[in-house]
C-alpha atoms as a PDB file:
ATOM      1  CA  MET A   1      12.754 -20.615 -99.567  1.00  0.00           C
ATOM      2  CA  LYS A   2       9.463 -21.746 -98.053  1.00  0.00           C
ATOM      3  CA  TYR A   3       8.177 -23.790-100.985  1.00  0.00           C
ATOM      4  CA  THR A   4      10.106 -26.211-103.184  1.00  0.00           C
ATOM      5  CA  THR A   5       9.043 -28.692-105.831  1.00  0.00           C
ATOM      6  CA  THR A   6      11.045 -31.113-107.943  1.00  0.00           C
ATOM      7  CA  ASP A   7      10.125 -32.232-111.465  1.00  0.00           C
ATOM      8  CA  GLU A   8       6.783 -30.402-111.409  1.00  0.00           C
ATOM      9  CA  LEU A   9       7.440 -28.091-114.357  1.00  0.00           C
ATOM     10  CA  GLU A  10       4.036 -28.905-115.882  1.00  0.00           C
ATOM     11  CA  HIS A  11       2.339 -27.467-112.765  1.00  0.00           C
ATOM     12  CA  PHE A  12       3.637 -23.968-113.508  1.00  0.00           C
ATOM     13  CA  GLY A  13       2.905 -21.448-116.230  1.00  0.00           C
ATOM     14  CA  PHE A  14       6.051 -19.665-117.379  1.00  0.00           C
ATOM     15  CA  ALA A  15       4.533 -17.671-120.258  1.00  0.00           C
ATOM     16  CA  GLU A  16       5.186 -13.952-119.662  1.00  0.00           C
ATOM     17  CA  ALA A  17       7.569 -14.623-116.756  1.00  0.00           C
ATOM     18  CA  TYR A  18      10.257 -11.957-116.473  1.00  0.00           C
ATOM     19  CA  ILE A  19      13.880 -12.989-116.128  1.00  0.00           C
ATOM     20  CA  GLY A  20      15.477 -11.240-113.151  1.00  0.00           C
ATOM     21  CA  ASP A  21      18.767 -13.135-113.059  1.00  0.00           C
ATOM     22  CA  VAL A  22      20.615 -15.886-114.906  1.00  0.00           C
ATOM     23  CA  GLN A  23      23.495 -17.937-113.516  1.00  0.00           C
ATOM     24  CA  VAL A  24      25.210 -20.557-115.637  1.00  0.00           C
ATOM     25  CA  THR A  25      28.417 -22.441-114.936  1.00  0.00           C
ATOM     26  CA  GLY A  26      29.373 -26.068-115.584  1.00  0.00           C
ATOM     27  CA  GLY A  27      26.260 -28.108-114.791  1.00  0.00           C
ATOM     28  CA  PHE A  28      24.704 -25.206-112.879  1.00  0.00           C
ATOM     29  CA  PHE A  29      21.743 -23.394-114.511  1.00  0.00           C
ATOM     30  CA  HIS A  30      19.589 -21.038-112.399  1.00  0.00           C
ATOM     31  CA  LEU A  31      16.966 -18.485-113.390  1.00  0.00           C
ATOM     32  CA  VAL A  32      15.223 -16.041-111.049  1.00  0.00           C
ATOM     33  CA  LEU A  33      11.753 -15.330-112.461  1.00  0.00           C
ATOM     34  CA  ASP A  34       8.886 -12.956-111.687  1.00  0.00           C
ATOM     35  CA  ASN A  35       5.236 -13.360-112.693  1.00  0.00           C
ATOM     36  CA  VAL A  36       5.244 -17.171-112.715  1.00  0.00           C
ATOM     37  CA  THR A  37       1.825 -18.818-112.604  1.00  0.00           C
ATOM     38  CA  ILE A  38       1.388 -21.629-110.083  1.00  0.00           C
ATOM     39  CA  LEU A  39      -1.341 -23.982-111.258  1.00  0.00           C
ATOM     40  CA  PRO A  40      -3.903 -25.620-108.944  1.00  0.00           C
ATOM     41  CA  GLU A  41      -2.293 -29.053-109.508  1.00  0.00           C
ATOM     42  CA  ASN A  42       0.989 -27.923-107.933  1.00  0.00           C
ATOM     43  CA  SER A  43       1.789 -29.997-104.835  1.00  0.00           C
ATOM     44  CA  CYS A  44       2.489 -26.861-102.751  1.00  0.00           C
ATOM     45  CA  ASN A  45      -0.672 -25.021-103.802  1.00  0.00           C
ATOM     46  CA  ARG A  46      -3.037 -25.589-100.867  1.00  0.00           C
ATOM     47  CA  ASP A  47      -5.607 -23.058-102.132  1.00  0.00           C
ATOM     48  CA  ILE A  48      -6.192 -25.243-105.211  1.00  0.00           C
ATOM     49  CA  ARG A  49      -6.576 -22.207-107.465  1.00  0.00           C
ATOM     50  CA  THR A  50      -4.308 -20.418-109.874  1.00  0.00           C
ATOM     51  CA  MET A  51      -1.745 -18.323-107.994  1.00  0.00           C
ATOM     52  CA  ARG A  52       1.440 -16.421-108.878  1.00  0.00           C
ATOM     53  CA  ALA A  53       4.966 -16.121-107.531  1.00  0.00           C
ATOM     54  CA  ASN A  54       7.730 -13.563-107.870  1.00  0.00           C
ATOM     55  CA  GLU A  55      11.414 -14.264-107.340  1.00  0.00           C
ATOM     56  CA  LEU A  56      10.895 -17.937-108.140  1.00  0.00           C
ATOM     57  CA  LEU A  57      14.205 -19.759-108.478  1.00  0.00           C
ATOM     58  CA  LEU A  58      14.204 -22.306-111.301  1.00  0.00           C
ATOM     59  CA  LYS A  59      17.179 -24.667-111.066  1.00  0.00           C
ATOM     60  CA  LEU A  60      18.049 -27.220-113.723  1.00  0.00           C
ATOM     61  CA  GLU A  61      20.260 -29.894-112.188  1.00  0.00           C
ATOM     62  CA  GLU A  62      23.147 -31.466-114.107  1.00  0.00           C
ATOM     63  CA  ALA A  63      22.421 -29.018-116.911  1.00  0.00           C
ATOM     64  CA  ASP A  64      24.090 -29.013-120.313  1.00  0.00           C
ATOM     65  CA  ILE A  65      23.220 -26.321-122.845  1.00  0.00           C
ATOM     66  CA  CYS A  66      22.584 -28.039-126.186  1.00  0.00           C
ATOM     67  CA  ALA A  67      21.736 -25.150-128.492  1.00  0.00           C
ATOM     68  CA  VAL A  68      20.931 -21.460-128.667  1.00  0.00           C
ATOM     69  CA  THR A  69      19.155 -20.195-131.773  1.00  0.00           C
ATOM     70  CA  LYS A  70      18.368 -16.598-132.639  1.00  0.00           C
ATOM     71  CA  GLU A  71      15.077 -16.774-134.497  1.00  0.00           C
ATOM     72  CA  GLY A  72      14.813 -15.188-137.899  1.00  0.00           C
ATOM     73  CA  PHE A  73      12.176 -12.667-138.928  1.00  0.00           C
ATOM     74  CA  LYS A  74      10.759 -10.791-141.920  1.00  0.00           C
ATOM     75  CA  VAL A  75      10.612  -7.055-142.543  1.00  0.00           C
ATOM     76  CA  TYR A  76       7.701  -5.565-144.501  1.00  0.00           C
ATOM     77  CA  ASP A  77       7.091  -2.054-145.774  1.00  0.00           C
ATOM     78  CA  ALA A  78       3.959  -0.023-144.944  1.00  0.00           C
ATOM     79  CA  ASN A  79       2.126  -1.633-147.894  1.00  0.00           C
ATOM     80  CA  GLY A  80       2.770  -5.137-146.627  1.00  0.00           C
ATOM     81  CA  ARG A  81       5.452  -5.969-149.204  1.00  0.00           C
ATOM     82  CA  LEU A  82       8.271  -8.165-148.015  1.00  0.00           C
ATOM     83  CA  MET A  83      11.489  -6.149-147.938  1.00  0.00           C
ATOM     84  CA  LYS A  84      13.956  -8.484-146.249  1.00  0.00           C
ATOM     85  CA  THR A  85      14.145 -11.911-144.623  1.00  0.00           C
ATOM     86  CA  TYR A  86      16.522 -12.814-141.815  1.00  0.00           C
ATOM     87  CA  ASP A  87      17.138 -16.544-141.315  1.00  0.00           C
ATOM     88  CA  ASP A  88      17.499 -18.348-137.992  1.00  0.00           C
ATOM     89  CA  GLU A  89      21.036 -18.052-136.628  1.00  0.00           C
ATOM     90  CA  GLU A  90      22.631 -20.879-134.671  1.00  0.00           C
ATOM     91  CA  ILE A  91      24.824 -19.411-131.927  1.00  0.00           C
ATOM     92  CA  GLU A  92      28.249 -21.017-131.568  1.00  0.00           C
ATOM     93  CA  LYS A  93      28.870 -22.962-128.370  1.00  0.00           C
ATOM     94  CA  LYS A  94      31.696 -20.612-127.336  1.00  0.00           C
ATOM     95  CA  ASP A  95      29.164 -17.719-127.316  1.00  0.00           C
ATOM     96  CA  PHE A  96      26.389 -19.462-125.329  1.00  0.00           C
ATOM     97  CA  LEU A  97      27.164 -17.873-121.957  1.00  0.00           C
ATOM     98  CA  GLU A  98      27.572 -14.390-123.385  1.00  0.00           C
ATOM     99  CA  ILE A  99      24.171 -14.582-125.139  1.00  0.00           C
ATOM    100  CA  ILE A 100      22.368 -16.193-122.178  1.00  0.00           C
ATOM    101  CA  LYS A 101      23.511 -13.404-119.846  1.00  0.00           C
ATOM    102  CA  THR A 102      21.711 -10.914-122.122  1.00  0.00           C
ATOM    103  CA  PHE A 103      18.383 -12.601-121.301  1.00  0.00           C
ATOM    104  CA  VAL A 104      18.174 -10.723-117.965  1.00  0.00           C
ATOM    105  CA  GLY A 105      15.279  -8.282-118.257  1.00  0.00           C
ATOM    106  CA  GLY A 106      13.678 -10.364-120.980  1.00  0.00           C
ATOM    107  CA  MET A 107      10.546 -12.469-120.904  1.00  0.00           C
ATOM    108  CA  ILE A 108       9.855 -16.158-121.358  1.00  0.00           C
ATOM    109  CA  TYR A 109       7.397 -16.753-124.171  1.00  0.00           C
ATOM    110  CA  SER A 110       7.177 -20.489-123.530  1.00  0.00           C
ATOM    111  CA  LEU A 111       8.933 -23.279-121.633  1.00  0.00           C
ATOM    112  CA  LYS A 112       8.422 -26.919-122.553  1.00  0.00           C
ATOM    113  CA  LYS A 113       9.997 -30.124-121.323  1.00  0.00           C
ATOM    114  CA  GLU A 114      10.245 -33.265-123.408  1.00  0.00           C
ATOM    115  CA  ASN A 115      12.092 -36.177-121.838  1.00  0.00           C
ATOM    116  CA  ASN A 116      15.059 -34.415-120.217  1.00  0.00           C
ATOM    117  CA  GLN A 117      15.263 -31.532-122.696  1.00  0.00           C
ATOM    118  CA  TYR A 118      13.961 -28.121-121.690  1.00  0.00           C
ATOM    119  CA  GLU A 119      13.104 -25.697-124.476  1.00  0.00           C
ATOM    120  CA  PHE A 120      12.824 -22.004-123.610  1.00  0.00           C
ATOM    121  CA  VAL A 121      11.557 -19.424-126.089  1.00  0.00           C
ATOM    122  CA  ILE A 122      12.770 -16.069-124.803  1.00  0.00           C
ATOM    123  CA  ASP A 123      12.021 -12.528-125.912  1.00  0.00           C
ATOM    124  CA  ALA A 124      15.312 -10.873-124.987  1.00  0.00           C
ATOM    125  CA  PRO A 125      15.765  -7.169-124.198  1.00  0.00           C
ATOM    126  CA  ASP A 126      17.683  -6.731-127.494  1.00  0.00           C
ATOM    127  CA  GLU A 127      14.317  -7.254-129.265  1.00  0.00           C
ATOM    128  CA  ALA A 128      15.414 -10.637-130.604  1.00  0.00           C
ATOM    129  CA  THR A 129      13.771 -13.968-129.879  1.00  0.00           C
ATOM    130  CA  TYR A 130      15.930 -16.917-128.873  1.00  0.00           C
ATOM    131  CA  VAL A 131      15.289 -20.635-128.494  1.00  0.00           C
ATOM    132  CA  LEU A 132      17.401 -22.145-125.724  1.00  0.00           C
ATOM    133  CA  ARG A 133      17.635 -25.933-125.359  1.00  0.00           C
ATOM    134  CA  VAL A 134      19.050 -27.412-122.163  1.00  0.00           C
ATOM    135  CA  LEU A 135      19.456 -31.061-121.164  1.00  0.00           C
ATOM    136  CA  ALA A 136      19.044 -31.584-117.424  1.00  0.00           C
ATOM    137  CA  ALA A 137      18.379 -34.413-114.992  1.00  0.00           C
ATOM    138  CA  HIS A 138      15.796 -32.517-112.885  1.00  0.00           C
ATOM    139  CA  ASP A 139      14.073 -29.187-112.441  1.00  0.00           C
ATOM    140  CA  VAL A 140      13.656 -27.641-108.990  1.00  0.00           C
ATOM    141  CA  GLU A 141      11.401 -24.646-108.332  1.00  0.00           C
ATOM    142  CA  SER A 142      11.632 -22.636-105.107  1.00  0.00           C
ATOM    143  CA  TRP A 143       9.748 -19.537-103.955  1.00  0.00           C
ATOM    144  CA  ASP A 144       8.830 -17.732-100.743  1.00  0.00           C
ATOM    145  CA  ARG A 145       5.156 -16.912-101.054  1.00  0.00           C
ATOM    146  CA  PHE A 146       2.031 -17.204-103.140  1.00  0.00           C
ATOM    147  CA  LEU A 147       0.462 -14.113-104.682  1.00  0.00           C
ATOM    148  CA  ASN A 148      -3.110 -13.687-105.881  1.00  0.00           C
ATOM    149  CA  GLN A 149      -3.614 -13.943-109.605  1.00  0.00           C
END
């Protein structure tokens, strides 16, 4: 990869990034993402304007998945009356990898980092929304080329 940054997550925009691949094994967490926004503040952005990247590899080093939550929702009838409520569902640790693999083809709604915890909100292809929390020592972003916005 031509460009690489470390711990510069705040210099990217991940909203509406498509998930092309997910790889997770003990301490190893990689996502391949399309439609990632590269902000002007990014250390590799020499044009100093908002750019994009496809096939960006996001690596979380020394990663540990803390929690996966399937967000609840409400169902209304055509008159706006509440018909049913589905509560948030905490996914069991033994099912984390199986659920995370289903994120391929989905879209990131948001990605935030607080201390060493990364919180992804993902619209998965199964039409459910998940919150994924991962503890990691560092984030590394790599990509081959800049694209115009």
